[in-house]
Amino acid sequence: MARALIHMPKTARAGEVIEIRALISHPMESGYRPGADGKAVPQDIIRQFTCKYEGEQVFAAELHPAIAANPYIAFFTVATVSGTLEFTWSGDNGFSQTERMALAVTP
Protein backbone atom coordinates (compact mmCIF):
# COMPACT_ATOMS: atom_id res chain seq x y z
CA MET A 1 0.00 0.00 0.00
CA ALA A 2 1.34 3.37 -1.02
CA ARG A 3 1.36 6.34 1.32
CA ALA A 4 -1.31 8.89 0.41
CA LEU A 5 -1.61 12.40 1.80
CA ILE A 6 -4.84 14.32 1.43
CA HIS A 7 -5.35 17.90 2.60
CA MET A 8 -8.85 19.32 2.72
CA PRO A 9 -10.92 21.17 5.30
CA LYS A 10 -12.83 19.05 7.82
CA THR A 11 -15.70 21.53 7.85
CA ALA A 12 -17.18 23.98 5.37
CA ARG A 13 -20.28 26.08 4.91
CA ALA A 14 -22.90 24.95 2.39
CA GLY A 15 -21.98 26.33 -1.03
CA GLU A 16 -18.37 27.08 -0.06
CA VAL A 17 -15.68 26.22 -2.60
CA ILE A 18 -13.02 24.04 -0.97
CA GLU A 19 -9.58 23.13 -2.21
CA ILE A 20 -8.50 19.50 -2.07
CA ARG A 21 -4.87 18.48 -2.44
CA ALA A 22 -3.88 14.82 -2.87
CA LEU A 23 -0.45 13.24 -3.14
CA ILE A 24 0.50 9.57 -3.33
CA SER A 25 3.93 7.97 -3.09
CA HIS A 26 4.55 6.05 -6.30
CA PRO A 27 7.71 5.67 -8.44
CA MET A 28 5.92 6.33 -11.80
CA GLU A 29 8.33 4.37 -14.01
CA SER A 30 7.79 5.56 -17.61
CA GLY A 31 8.94 2.38 -19.35
CA TYR A 32 11.42 4.35 -21.47
CA ARG A 33 14.35 4.39 -19.02
CA PRO A 34 17.04 1.70 -19.44
CA GLY A 35 17.90 -0.40 -16.42
CA ALA A 36 21.34 -1.61 -15.34
CA ASP A 37 21.14 -4.45 -17.90
CA GLY A 38 20.40 -2.01 -20.75
CA LYS A 39 16.81 -3.19 -21.16
CA ALA A 40 13.90 -0.83 -20.60
CA VAL A 41 12.52 -0.87 -17.06
CA PRO A 42 8.87 -2.01 -17.27
CA GLN A 43 6.29 0.74 -17.18
CA ASP A 44 4.62 1.23 -13.79
CA ILE A 45 2.44 4.32 -13.56
CA ILE A 46 -0.79 5.43 -11.96
CA ARG A 47 -3.19 5.80 -14.86
CA GLN A 48 -6.27 7.29 -13.24
CA PHE A 49 -7.33 9.34 -10.25
CA THR A 50 -10.95 9.93 -9.26
CA CYS A 51 -12.70 11.73 -6.43
CA LYS A 52 -16.28 10.93 -5.49
CA TYR A 53 -18.31 13.09 -3.10
CA GLU A 54 -21.12 11.07 -1.54
CA GLY A 55 -20.91 8.64 -4.48
CA GLU A 56 -20.93 11.29 -7.22
CA GLN A 57 -17.75 11.84 -9.22
CA VAL A 58 -16.58 15.44 -8.80
CA PHE A 59 -13.09 15.15 -10.29
CA ALA A 60 -11.12 12.71 -12.45
CA ALA A 61 -7.74 12.77 -14.16
CA GLU A 62 -5.88 10.47 -16.54
CA LEU A 63 -2.16 10.29 -15.88
CA HIS A 64 0.51 9.50 -18.49
CA PRO A 65 4.17 8.37 -18.43
CA ALA A 66 5.48 11.96 -18.44
CA ILE A 67 4.07 12.73 -14.98
CA ALA A 68 6.52 12.93 -12.09
CA ALA A 69 6.92 10.39 -9.34
CA ASN A 70 4.61 10.89 -6.35
CA PRO A 71 1.89 12.64 -8.38
CA TYR A 72 0.32 15.66 -6.69
CA ILE A 73 -3.17 16.72 -7.72
CA ALA A 74 -5.04 19.82 -6.54
CA PHE A 75 -8.61 20.70 -7.43
CA PHE A 76 -11.68 22.48 -6.11
CA THR A 77 -15.22 21.36 -5.39
CA VAL A 78 -18.30 22.87 -3.77
CA ALA A 79 -19.34 21.69 -0.31
CA THR A 80 -23.00 20.72 -0.52
CA VAL A 81 -23.79 18.12 2.17
CA SER A 82 -21.97 16.45 5.04
CA GLY A 83 -20.51 13.20 3.85
CA THR A 84 -17.53 11.25 2.63
CA LEU A 85 -15.12 12.00 -0.16
CA GLU A 86 -13.53 8.92 -1.71
CA PHE A 87 -10.20 9.21 -3.51
CA THR A 88 -9.07 6.36 -5.79
CA TRP A 89 -5.79 5.92 -7.64
CA SER A 90 -5.46 3.01 -10.10
CA GLY A 91 -2.66 1.98 -12.41
CA ASP A 92 -0.37 -0.64 -13.87
CA ASN A 93 0.24 -4.05 -12.32
CA GLY A 94 -3.18 -4.05 -10.65
CA PHE A 95 -2.38 -1.05 -8.47
CA SER A 96 -5.43 0.43 -6.80
CA GLN A 97 -5.76 2.42 -3.60
CA THR A 98 -8.72 4.19 -2.08
CA GLU A 99 -8.74 6.69 0.78
CA ARG A 100 -11.75 8.32 2.40
CA MET A 101 -12.14 11.66 4.20
CA ALA A 102 -15.19 13.08 5.97
CA LEU A 103 -16.51 16.59 5.37
CA ALA A 104 -18.98 18.25 7.74
CA VAL A 105 -21.07 20.94 6.06
CA THR A 106 -22.89 23.58 8.10
CA PRO A 107 -25.78 25.68 6.75
PDB file of N, CA and C in Angstrom:
ATOM      1  N   MET A   1       0.852  -1.179   0.000  1.00  0.00           N
ATOM      2  CA  MET A   1       0.000   0.000   0.000  1.00  0.00           C
ATOM      3  C   MET A   1       0.893   1.236   0.000  1.00  0.00           C
ATOM      4  N   ALA A   2       0.582   2.125  -0.899  1.00  0.00           N
ATOM      5  CA  ALA A   2       1.342   3.370  -1.017  1.00  0.00           C
ATOM      6  C   ALA A   2       0.869   4.361   0.044  1.00  0.00           C
ATOM      7  N   ARG A   3       1.719   5.308   0.351  1.00  0.00           N
ATOM      8  CA  ARG A   3       1.365   6.343   1.321  1.00  0.00           C
ATOM      9  C   ARG A   3       0.667   7.482   0.595  1.00  0.00           C
ATOM     10  N   ALA A   4      -0.546   7.798   1.018  1.00  0.00           N
ATOM     11  CA  ALA A   4      -1.315   8.889   0.413  1.00  0.00           C
ATOM     12  C   ALA A   4      -1.500  10.001   1.430  1.00  0.00           C
ATOM     13  N   LEU A   5      -1.359  11.227   0.972  1.00  0.00           N
ATOM     14  CA  LEU A   5      -1.608  12.399   1.803  1.00  0.00           C
ATOM     15  C   LEU A   5      -2.718  13.217   1.158  1.00  0.00           C
ATOM     16  N   ILE A   6      -3.722  13.529   1.940  1.00  0.00           N
ATOM     17  CA  ILE A   6      -4.842  14.325   1.434  1.00  0.00           C
ATOM     18  C   ILE A   6      -5.054  15.499   2.385  1.00  0.00           C
ATOM     19  N   HIS A   7      -5.098  16.695   1.816  1.00  0.00           N
ATOM     20  CA  HIS A   7      -5.354  17.897   2.602  1.00  0.00           C
ATOM     21  C   HIS A   7      -6.652  18.525   2.106  1.00  0.00           C
ATOM     22  N   MET A   8      -7.580  18.664   3.015  1.00  0.00           N
ATOM     23  CA  MET A   8      -8.852  19.322   2.720  1.00  0.00           C
ATOM     24  C   MET A   8      -9.432  19.771   4.052  1.00  0.00           C
ATOM     25  N   PRO A   9     -10.323  20.752   4.031  1.00  0.00           N
ATOM     26  CA  PRO A   9     -10.917  21.172   5.298  1.00  0.00           C
ATOM     27  C   PRO A   9     -11.829  20.080   5.852  1.00  0.00           C
ATOM     28  N   LYS A  10     -11.935  20.018   7.193  1.00  0.00           N
ATOM     29  CA  LYS A  10     -12.830  19.045   7.820  1.00  0.00           C
ATOM     30  C   LYS A  10     -14.251  19.570   7.869  1.00  0.00           C
ATOM     31  N   THR A  11     -14.374  20.911   7.834  1.00  0.00           N
ATOM     32  CA  THR A  11     -15.704  21.528   7.854  1.00  0.00           C
ATOM     33  C   THR A  11     -15.754  22.626   6.793  1.00  0.00           C
ATOM     34  N   ALA A  12     -16.957  22.900   6.340  1.00  0.00           N
ATOM     35  CA  ALA A  12     -17.177  23.977   5.367  1.00  0.00           C
ATOM     36  C   ALA A  12     -18.632  24.413   5.462  1.00  0.00           C
ATOM     37  N   ARG A  13     -18.899  25.615   4.972  1.00  0.00           N
ATOM     38  CA  ARG A  13     -20.283  26.078   4.905  1.00  0.00           C
ATOM     39  C   ARG A  13     -20.910  25.600   3.599  1.00  0.00           C
ATOM     40  N   ALA A  14     -22.199  25.393   3.596  1.00  0.00           N
ATOM     41  CA  ALA A  14     -22.895  24.955   2.387  1.00  0.00           C
ATOM     42  C   ALA A  14     -22.655  25.971   1.266  1.00  0.00           C
ATOM     43  N   GLY A  15     -22.243  25.486   0.118  1.00  0.00           N
ATOM     44  CA  GLY A  15     -21.975  26.333  -1.032  1.00  0.00           C
ATOM     45  C   GLY A  15     -20.552  26.853  -1.109  1.00  0.00           C
ATOM     46  N   GLU A  16     -19.764  26.613  -0.078  1.00  0.00           N
ATOM     47  CA  GLU A  16     -18.375  27.079  -0.062  1.00  0.00           C
ATOM     48  C   GLU A  16     -17.514  26.243  -1.011  1.00  0.00           C
ATOM     49  N   VAL A  17     -16.634  26.910  -1.734  1.00  0.00           N
ATOM     50  CA  VAL A  17     -15.682  26.219  -2.600  1.00  0.00           C
ATOM     51  C   VAL A  17     -14.492  25.821  -1.739  1.00  0.00           C
ATOM     52  N   ILE A  18     -14.154  24.536  -1.765  1.00  0.00           N
ATOM     53  CA  ILE A  18     -13.024  24.041  -0.972  1.00  0.00           C
ATOM     54  C   ILE A  18     -11.945  23.494  -1.900  1.00  0.00           C
ATOM     55  N   GLU A  19     -10.709  23.677  -1.453  1.00  0.00           N
ATOM     56  CA  GLU A  19      -9.577  23.129  -2.208  1.00  0.00           C
ATOM     57  C   GLU A  19      -9.191  21.786  -1.605  1.00  0.00           C
ATOM     58  N   ILE A  20      -8.932  20.829  -2.479  1.00  0.00           N
ATOM     59  CA  ILE A  20      -8.496  19.496  -2.066  1.00  0.00           C
ATOM     60  C   ILE A  20      -7.156  19.235  -2.730  1.00  0.00           C
ATOM     61  N   ARG A  21      -6.201  18.805  -1.924  1.00  0.00           N
ATOM     62  CA  ARG A  21      -4.870  18.476  -2.442  1.00  0.00           C
ATOM     63  C   ARG A  21      -4.559  17.035  -2.090  1.00  0.00           C
ATOM     64  N   ALA A  22      -4.145  16.244  -3.089  1.00  0.00           N
ATOM     65  CA  ALA A  22      -3.880  14.815  -2.875  1.00  0.00           C
ATOM     66  C   ALA A  22      -2.520  14.456  -3.464  1.00  0.00           C
ATOM     67  N   LEU A  23      -1.766  13.692  -2.706  1.00  0.00           N
ATOM     68  CA  LEU A  23      -0.453  13.235  -3.140  1.00  0.00           C
ATOM     69  C   LEU A  23      -0.319  11.772  -2.753  1.00  0.00           C
ATOM     70  N   ILE A  24       0.274  10.976  -3.644  1.00  0.00           N
ATOM     71  CA  ILE A  24       0.497   9.572  -3.328  1.00  0.00           C
ATOM     72  C   ILE A  24       1.942   9.221  -3.674  1.00  0.00           C
ATOM     73  N   SER A  25       2.565   8.420  -2.830  1.00  0.00           N
ATOM     74  CA  SER A  25       3.931   7.968  -3.088  1.00  0.00           C
ATOM     75  C   SER A  25       3.887   6.835  -4.108  1.00  0.00           C
ATOM     76  N   HIS A  26       4.522   7.063  -5.242  1.00  0.00           N
ATOM     77  CA  HIS A  26       4.552   6.053  -6.305  1.00  0.00           C
ATOM     78  C   HIS A  26       5.723   6.384  -7.217  1.00  0.00           C
ATOM     79  N   PRO A  27       6.515   5.379  -7.647  1.00  0.00           N
ATOM     80  CA  PRO A  27       7.710   5.674  -8.441  1.00  0.00           C
ATOM     81  C   PRO A  27       7.436   6.186  -9.850  1.00  0.00           C
ATOM     82  N   MET A  28       6.280   5.875 -10.452  1.00  0.00           N
ATOM     83  CA  MET A  28       5.923   6.329 -11.798  1.00  0.00           C
ATOM     84  C   MET A  28       7.035   6.034 -12.812  1.00  0.00           C
ATOM     85  N   GLU A  29       7.313   4.774 -13.026  1.00  0.00           N
ATOM     86  CA  GLU A  29       8.327   4.372 -14.008  1.00  0.00           C
ATOM     87  C   GLU A  29       7.730   4.470 -15.406  1.00  0.00           C
ATOM     88  N   SER A  30       8.355   5.262 -16.281  1.00  0.00           N
ATOM     89  CA  SER A  30       7.787   5.556 -17.606  1.00  0.00           C
ATOM     90  C   SER A  30       7.837   4.387 -18.582  1.00  0.00           C
ATOM     91  N   GLY A  31       8.765   3.475 -18.402  1.00  0.00           N
ATOM     92  CA  GLY A  31       8.935   2.382 -19.350  1.00  0.00           C
ATOM     93  C   GLY A  31       9.928   2.705 -20.444  1.00  0.00           C
ATOM     94  N   TYR A  32      10.459   3.922 -20.447  1.00  0.00           N
ATOM     95  CA  TYR A  32      11.420   4.349 -21.469  1.00  0.00           C
ATOM     96  C   TYR A  32      12.854   4.354 -20.936  1.00  0.00           C
ATOM     97  N   ARG A  33      13.030   4.273 -19.642  1.00  0.00           N
ATOM     98  CA  ARG A  33      14.350   4.386 -19.023  1.00  0.00           C
ATOM     99  C   ARG A  33      15.054   3.024 -19.034  1.00  0.00           C
ATOM    100  N   PRO A  34      16.321   2.982 -19.467  1.00  0.00           N
ATOM    101  CA  PRO A  34      17.044   1.700 -19.443  1.00  0.00           C
ATOM    102  C   PRO A  34      17.492   1.354 -18.017  1.00  0.00           C
ATOM    103  N   GLY A  35      17.432   0.077 -17.710  1.00  0.00           N
ATOM    104  CA  GLY A  35      17.904  -0.404 -16.420  1.00  0.00           C
ATOM    105  C   GLY A  35      19.390  -0.706 -16.482  1.00  0.00           C
ATOM    106  N   ALA A  36      19.922  -1.296 -15.418  1.00  0.00           N
ATOM    107  CA  ALA A  36      21.343  -1.612 -15.340  1.00  0.00           C
ATOM    108  C   ALA A  36      21.769  -2.609 -16.415  1.00  0.00           C
ATOM    109  N   ASP A  37      20.832  -3.457 -16.859  1.00  0.00           N
ATOM    110  CA  ASP A  37      21.135  -4.447 -17.896  1.00  0.00           C
ATOM    111  C   ASP A  37      20.953  -3.894 -19.309  1.00  0.00           C
ATOM    112  N   GLY A  38      20.579  -2.625 -19.441  1.00  0.00           N
ATOM    113  CA  GLY A  38      20.395  -2.011 -20.751  1.00  0.00           C
ATOM    114  C   GLY A  38      18.993  -2.165 -21.310  1.00  0.00           C
ATOM    115  N   LYS A  39      18.189  -3.004 -20.702  1.00  0.00           N
ATOM    116  CA  LYS A  39      16.809  -3.185 -21.161  1.00  0.00           C
ATOM    117  C   LYS A  39      15.915  -2.152 -20.479  1.00  0.00           C
ATOM    118  N   ALA A  40      14.835  -1.812 -21.169  1.00  0.00           N
ATOM    119  CA  ALA A  40      13.902  -0.830 -20.603  1.00  0.00           C
ATOM    120  C   ALA A  40      13.267  -1.375 -19.331  1.00  0.00           C
ATOM    121  N   VAL A  41      13.198  -0.513 -18.307  1.00  0.00           N
ATOM    122  CA  VAL A  41      12.522  -0.868 -17.060  1.00  0.00           C
ATOM    123  C   VAL A  41      11.024  -0.889 -17.355  1.00  0.00           C
ATOM    124  N   PRO A  42      10.308  -1.943 -16.954  1.00  0.00           N
ATOM    125  CA  PRO A  42       8.869  -2.013 -17.271  1.00  0.00           C
ATOM    126  C   PRO A  42       8.095  -0.808 -16.745  1.00  0.00           C
ATOM    127  N   GLN A  43       7.124  -0.395 -17.549  1.00  0.00           N
ATOM    128  CA  GLN A  43       6.293   0.743 -17.180  1.00  0.00           C
ATOM    129  C   GLN A  43       5.476   0.420 -15.927  1.00  0.00           C
ATOM    130  N   ASP A  44       5.401   1.372 -15.019  1.00  0.00           N
ATOM    131  CA  ASP A  44       4.623   1.227 -13.789  1.00  0.00           C
ATOM    132  C   ASP A  44       4.148   2.615 -13.392  1.00  0.00           C
ATOM    133  N   ILE A  45       2.962   2.982 -13.862  1.00  0.00           N
ATOM    134  CA  ILE A  45       2.438   4.320 -13.564  1.00  0.00           C
ATOM    135  C   ILE A  45       1.013   4.233 -13.020  1.00  0.00           C
ATOM    136  N   ILE A  46       0.610   5.268 -12.336  1.00  0.00           N
ATOM    137  CA  ILE A  46      -0.788   5.427 -11.960  1.00  0.00           C
ATOM    138  C   ILE A  46      -1.483   6.018 -13.174  1.00  0.00           C
ATOM    139  N   ARG A  47      -2.531   5.368 -13.628  1.00  0.00           N
ATOM    140  CA  ARG A  47      -3.195   5.798 -14.864  1.00  0.00           C
ATOM    141  C   ARG A  47      -4.417   6.671 -14.622  1.00  0.00           C
ATOM    142  N   GLN A  48      -5.034   6.529 -13.452  1.00  0.00           N
ATOM    143  CA  GLN A  48      -6.268   7.286 -13.240  1.00  0.00           C
ATOM    144  C   GLN A  48      -6.424   7.672 -11.765  1.00  0.00           C
ATOM    145  N   PHE A  49      -6.982   8.860 -11.575  1.00  0.00           N
ATOM    146  CA  PHE A  49      -7.332   9.342 -10.251  1.00  0.00           C
ATOM    147  C   PHE A  49      -8.775   9.827 -10.310  1.00  0.00           C
ATOM    148  N   THR A  50      -9.572   9.440  -9.321  1.00  0.00           N
ATOM    149  CA  THR A  50     -10.949   9.932  -9.257  1.00  0.00           C
ATOM    150  C   THR A  50     -11.279  10.350  -7.830  1.00  0.00           C
ATOM    151  N   CYS A  51     -12.184  11.303  -7.719  1.00  0.00           N
ATOM    152  CA  CYS A  51     -12.701  11.729  -6.425  1.00  0.00           C
ATOM    153  C   CYS A  51     -14.224  11.708  -6.508  1.00  0.00           C
ATOM    154  N   LYS A  52     -14.823  10.975  -5.580  1.00  0.00           N
ATOM    155  CA  LYS A  52     -16.284  10.935  -5.491  1.00  0.00           C
ATOM    156  C   LYS A  52     -16.705  11.574  -4.179  1.00  0.00           C
ATOM    157  N   TYR A  53     -17.758  12.381  -4.266  1.00  0.00           N
ATOM    158  CA  TYR A  53     -18.310  13.087  -3.104  1.00  0.00           C
ATOM    159  C   TYR A  53     -19.711  12.536  -2.892  1.00  0.00           C
ATOM    160  N   GLU A  54     -19.878  11.772  -1.823  1.00  0.00           N
ATOM    161  CA  GLU A  54     -21.124  11.069  -1.538  1.00  0.00           C
ATOM    162  C   GLU A  54     -21.581  10.242  -2.760  1.00  0.00           C
ATOM    163  N   GLY A  55     -20.624   9.554  -3.378  1.00  0.00           N
ATOM    164  CA  GLY A  55     -20.914   8.644  -4.479  1.00  0.00           C
ATOM    165  C   GLY A  55     -20.939   9.278  -5.853  1.00  0.00           C
ATOM    166  N   GLU A  56     -20.907  10.602  -5.934  1.00  0.00           N
ATOM    167  CA  GLU A  56     -20.930  11.291  -7.223  1.00  0.00           C
ATOM    168  C   GLU A  56     -19.523  11.770  -7.583  1.00  0.00           C
ATOM    169  N   GLN A  57     -19.093  11.431  -8.789  1.00  0.00           N
ATOM    170  CA  GLN A  57     -17.753  11.837  -9.218  1.00  0.00           C
ATOM    171  C   GLN A  57     -17.699  13.350  -9.396  1.00  0.00           C
ATOM    172  N   VAL A  58     -16.733  13.984  -8.698  1.00  0.00           N
ATOM    173  CA  VAL A  58     -16.580  15.436  -8.804  1.00  0.00           C
ATOM    174  C   VAL A  58     -15.277  15.826  -9.489  1.00  0.00           C
ATOM    175  N   PHE A  59     -14.355  14.868  -9.619  1.00  0.00           N
ATOM    176  CA  PHE A  59     -13.086  15.149 -10.291  1.00  0.00           C
ATOM    177  C   PHE A  59     -12.484  13.839 -10.762  1.00  0.00           C
ATOM    178  N   ALA A  60     -11.835  13.877 -11.943  1.00  0.00           N
ATOM    179  CA  ALA A  60     -11.115  12.707 -12.452  1.00  0.00           C
ATOM    180  C   ALA A  60      -9.961  13.209 -13.305  1.00  0.00           C
ATOM    181  N   ALA A  61      -8.895  12.424 -13.340  1.00  0.00           N
ATOM    182  CA  ALA A  61      -7.738  12.765 -14.160  1.00  0.00           C
ATOM    183  C   ALA A  61      -7.108  11.490 -14.696  1.00  0.00           C
ATOM    184  N   GLU A  62      -6.666  11.553 -15.963  1.00  0.00           N
ATOM    185  CA  GLU A  62      -5.877  10.468 -16.543  1.00  0.00           C
ATOM    186  C   GLU A  62      -4.419  10.883 -16.462  1.00  0.00           C
ATOM    187  N   LEU A  63      -3.576   9.989 -16.012  1.00  0.00           N
ATOM    188  CA  LEU A  63      -2.162  10.290 -15.884  1.00  0.00           C
ATOM    189  C   LEU A  63      -1.394   9.506 -16.948  1.00  0.00           C
ATOM    190  N   HIS A  64      -0.284  10.073 -17.406  1.00  0.00           N
ATOM    191  CA  HIS A  64       0.507   9.496 -18.489  1.00  0.00           C
ATOM    192  C   HIS A  64       1.961   9.361 -18.054  1.00  0.00           C
ATOM    193  N   PRO A  65       2.790   8.636 -18.853  1.00  0.00           N
ATOM    194  CA  PRO A  65       4.174   8.373 -18.427  1.00  0.00           C
ATOM    195  C   PRO A  65       5.005   9.619 -18.131  1.00  0.00           C
ATOM    196  N   ALA A  66       4.664  10.768 -18.656  1.00  0.00           N
ATOM    197  CA  ALA A  66       5.478  11.959 -18.436  1.00  0.00           C
ATOM    198  C   ALA A  66       5.282  12.578 -17.056  1.00  0.00           C
ATOM    199  N   ILE A  67       4.310  12.125 -16.298  1.00  0.00           N
ATOM    200  CA  ILE A  67       4.065  12.727 -14.981  1.00  0.00           C
ATOM    201  C   ILE A  67       5.160  12.301 -13.994  1.00  0.00           C
ATOM    202  N   ALA A  68       5.451  13.166 -13.066  1.00  0.00           N
ATOM    203  CA  ALA A  68       6.517  12.929 -12.090  1.00  0.00           C
ATOM    204  C   ALA A  68       6.145  11.830 -11.096  1.00  0.00           C
ATOM    205  N   ALA A  69       7.155  11.320 -10.430  1.00  0.00           N
ATOM    206  CA  ALA A  69       6.916  10.389  -9.335  1.00  0.00           C
ATOM    207  C   ALA A  69       6.121  11.103  -8.252  1.00  0.00           C
ATOM    208  N   ASN A  70       5.406  10.340  -7.442  1.00  0.00           N
ATOM    209  CA  ASN A  70       4.607  10.892  -6.351  1.00  0.00           C
ATOM    210  C   ASN A  70       3.657  11.974  -6.868  1.00  0.00           C
ATOM    211  N   PRO A  71       2.753  11.610  -7.768  1.00  0.00           N
ATOM    212  CA  PRO A  71       1.893  12.636  -8.379  1.00  0.00           C
ATOM    213  C   PRO A  71       1.063  13.399  -7.350  1.00  0.00           C
ATOM    214  N   TYR A  72       1.055  14.726  -7.533  1.00  0.00           N
ATOM    215  CA  TYR A  72       0.325  15.662  -6.687  1.00  0.00           C
ATOM    216  C   TYR A  72      -0.797  16.266  -7.514  1.00  0.00           C
ATOM    217  N   ILE A  73      -1.999  16.208  -6.999  1.00  0.00           N
ATOM    218  CA  ILE A  73      -3.168  16.718  -7.715  1.00  0.00           C
ATOM    219  C   ILE A  73      -3.917  17.672  -6.793  1.00  0.00           C
ATOM    220  N   ALA A  74      -4.253  18.847  -7.299  1.00  0.00           N
ATOM    221  CA  ALA A  74      -5.039  19.819  -6.541  1.00  0.00           C
ATOM    222  C   ALA A  74      -6.244  20.220  -7.381  1.00  0.00           C
ATOM    223  N   PHE A  75      -7.382  20.322  -6.730  1.00  0.00           N
ATOM    224  CA  PHE A  75      -8.605  20.701  -7.434  1.00  0.00           C
ATOM    225  C   PHE A  75      -9.584  21.314  -6.424  1.00  0.00           C
ATOM    226  N   PHE A  76     -10.675  21.843  -6.948  1.00  0.00           N
ATOM    227  CA  PHE A  76     -11.683  22.485  -6.110  1.00  0.00           C
ATOM    228  C   PHE A  76     -13.019  21.789  -6.307  1.00  0.00           C
ATOM    229  N   THR A  77     -13.837  21.824  -5.274  1.00  0.00           N
ATOM    230  CA  THR A  77     -15.217  21.361  -5.391  1.00  0.00           C
ATOM    231  C   THR A  77     -16.067  22.222  -4.461  1.00  0.00           C
ATOM    232  N   VAL A  78     -17.363  22.095  -4.589  1.00  0.00           N
ATOM    233  CA  VAL A  78     -18.297  22.866  -3.773  1.00  0.00           C
ATOM    234  C   VAL A  78     -18.855  21.969  -2.675  1.00  0.00           C
ATOM    235  N   ALA A  79     -18.777  22.435  -1.438  1.00  0.00           N
ATOM    236  CA  ALA A  79     -19.338  21.693  -0.308  1.00  0.00           C
ATOM    237  C   ALA A  79     -20.857  21.821  -0.354  1.00  0.00           C
ATOM    238  N   THR A  80     -21.532  20.686  -0.425  1.00  0.00           N
ATOM    239  CA  THR A  80     -22.996  20.721  -0.515  1.00  0.00           C
ATOM    240  C   THR A  80     -23.663  20.067   0.691  1.00  0.00           C
ATOM    241  N   VAL A  81     -23.202  18.863   1.043  1.00  0.00           N
ATOM    242  CA  VAL A  81     -23.785  18.124   2.175  1.00  0.00           C
ATOM    243  C   VAL A  81     -22.659  17.478   2.978  1.00  0.00           C
ATOM    244  N   SER A  82     -22.941  17.198   4.236  1.00  0.00           N
ATOM    245  CA  SER A  82     -21.974  16.449   5.042  1.00  0.00           C
ATOM    246  C   SER A  82     -21.879  15.038   4.479  1.00  0.00           C
ATOM    247  N   GLY A  83     -20.664  14.532   4.394  1.00  0.00           N
ATOM    248  CA  GLY A  83     -20.511  13.204   3.848  1.00  0.00           C
ATOM    249  C   GLY A  83     -19.060  12.813   3.672  1.00  0.00           C
ATOM    250  N   THR A  84     -18.861  11.815   2.843  1.00  0.00           N
ATOM    251  CA  THR A  84     -17.534  11.248   2.634  1.00  0.00           C
ATOM    252  C   THR A  84     -17.049  11.520   1.225  1.00  0.00           C
ATOM    253  N   LEU A  85     -15.792  11.908   1.131  1.00  0.00           N
ATOM    254  CA  LEU A  85     -15.122  12.004  -0.164  1.00  0.00           C
ATOM    255  C   LEU A  85     -14.221  10.792  -0.298  1.00  0.00           C
ATOM    256  N   GLU A  86     -14.288  10.147  -1.460  1.00  0.00           N
ATOM    257  CA  GLU A  86     -13.526   8.923  -1.710  1.00  0.00           C
ATOM    258  C   GLU A  86     -12.535   9.191  -2.840  1.00  0.00           C
ATOM    259  N   PHE A  87     -11.280   8.939  -2.563  1.00  0.00           N
ATOM    260  CA  PHE A  87     -10.198   9.205  -3.515  1.00  0.00           C
ATOM    261  C   PHE A  87      -9.622   7.869  -3.967  1.00  0.00           C
ATOM    262  N   THR A  88      -9.562   7.636  -5.279  1.00  0.00           N
ATOM    263  CA  THR A  88      -9.066   6.357  -5.794  1.00  0.00           C
ATOM    264  C   THR A  88      -7.993   6.600  -6.844  1.00  0.00           C
ATOM    265  N   TRP A  89      -6.866   5.939  -6.661  1.00  0.00           N
ATOM    266  CA  TRP A  89      -5.788   5.925  -7.639  1.00  0.00           C
ATOM    267  C   TRP A  89      -5.730   4.510  -8.198  1.00  0.00           C
ATOM    268  N   SER A  90      -5.607   4.345  -9.515  1.00  0.00           N
ATOM    269  CA  SER A  90      -5.460   3.013 -10.101  1.00  0.00           C
ATOM    270  C   SER A  90      -4.431   3.090 -11.220  1.00  0.00           C
ATOM    271  N   GLY A  91      -3.732   1.961 -11.420  1.00  0.00           N
ATOM    272  CA  GLY A  91      -2.664   1.978 -12.407  1.00  0.00           C
ATOM    273  C   GLY A  91      -2.191   0.614 -12.821  1.00  0.00           C
ATOM    274  N   ASP A  92      -0.966   0.584 -13.334  1.00  0.00           N
ATOM    275  CA  ASP A  92      -0.371  -0.645 -13.865  1.00  0.00           C
ATOM    276  C   ASP A  92      -0.182  -1.683 -12.764  1.00  0.00           C
ATOM    277  N   ASN A  93      -0.040  -2.916 -13.213  1.00  0.00           N
ATOM    278  CA  ASN A  93       0.238  -4.054 -12.320  1.00  0.00           C
ATOM    279  C   ASN A  93      -0.831  -4.237 -11.251  1.00  0.00           C
ATOM    280  N   GLY A  94      -2.070  -3.861 -11.576  1.00  0.00           N
ATOM    281  CA  GLY A  94      -3.183  -4.047 -10.651  1.00  0.00           C
ATOM    282  C   GLY A  94      -3.207  -3.081  -9.486  1.00  0.00           C
ATOM    283  N   PHE A  95      -2.424  -2.011  -9.582  1.00  0.00           N
ATOM    284  CA  PHE A  95      -2.379  -1.049  -8.471  1.00  0.00           C
ATOM    285  C   PHE A  95      -3.724  -0.347  -8.310  1.00  0.00           C
ATOM    286  N   SER A  96      -4.215  -0.310  -7.112  1.00  0.00           N
ATOM    287  CA  SER A  96      -5.430   0.434  -6.796  1.00  0.00           C
ATOM    288  C   SER A  96      -5.411   0.761  -5.305  1.00  0.00           C
ATOM    289  N   GLN A  97      -5.715   2.003  -5.003  1.00  0.00           N
ATOM    290  CA  GLN A  97      -5.763   2.417  -3.602  1.00  0.00           C
ATOM    291  C   GLN A  97      -6.865   3.440  -3.431  1.00  0.00           C
ATOM    292  N   THR A  98      -7.620   3.282  -2.373  1.00  0.00           N
ATOM    293  CA  THR A  98      -8.722   4.191  -2.084  1.00  0.00           C
ATOM    294  C   THR A  98      -8.569   4.732  -0.663  1.00  0.00           C
ATOM    295  N   GLU A  99      -8.757   6.028  -0.532  1.00  0.00           N
ATOM    296  CA  GLU A  99      -8.739   6.691   0.777  1.00  0.00           C
ATOM    297  C   GLU A  99     -10.044   7.462   0.919  1.00  0.00           C
ATOM    298  N   ARG A 100     -10.501   7.612   2.150  1.00  0.00           N
ATOM    299  CA  ARG A 100     -11.755   8.322   2.405  1.00  0.00           C
ATOM    300  C   ARG A 100     -11.521   9.418   3.453  1.00  0.00           C
ATOM    301  N   MET A 101     -12.213  10.539   3.252  1.00  0.00           N
ATOM    302  CA  MET A 101     -12.141  11.661   4.197  1.00  0.00           C
ATOM    303  C   MET A 101     -13.564  12.173   4.407  1.00  0.00           C
ATOM    304  N   ALA A 102     -13.857  12.554   5.644  1.00  0.00           N
ATOM    305  CA  ALA A 102     -15.187  13.077   5.965  1.00  0.00           C
ATOM    306  C   ALA A 102     -15.187  14.603   5.869  1.00  0.00           C
ATOM    307  N   LEU A 103     -16.308  15.142   5.446  1.00  0.00           N
ATOM    308  CA  LEU A 103     -16.506  16.588   5.372  1.00  0.00           C
ATOM    309  C   LEU A 103     -17.825  16.915   6.064  1.00  0.00           C
ATOM    310  N   ALA A 104     -17.771  17.800   7.049  1.00  0.00           N
ATOM    311  CA  ALA A 104     -18.977  18.248   7.742  1.00  0.00           C
ATOM    312  C   ALA A 104     -19.375  19.603   7.168  1.00  0.00           C
ATOM    313  N   VAL A 105     -20.589  19.697   6.681  1.00  0.00           N
ATOM    314  CA  VAL A 105     -21.072  20.935   6.063  1.00  0.00           C
ATOM    315  C   VAL A 105     -22.127  21.564   6.978  1.00  0.00           C
ATOM    316  N   THR A 106     -21.932  22.854   7.269  1.00  0.00           N
ATOM    317  CA  THR A 106     -22.886  23.582   8.100  1.00  0.00           C
ATOM    318  C   THR A 106     -23.696  24.526   7.210  1.00  0.00           C
ATOM    319  N   PRO A 107     -24.945  24.796   7.589  1.00  0.00           N
ATOM    320  CA  PRO A 107     -25.779  25.680   6.754  1.00  0.00           C
ATOM    321  C   PRO A 107     -25.290  27.121   6.738  1.00  0.00           C
TER     322      PRO A 107
END
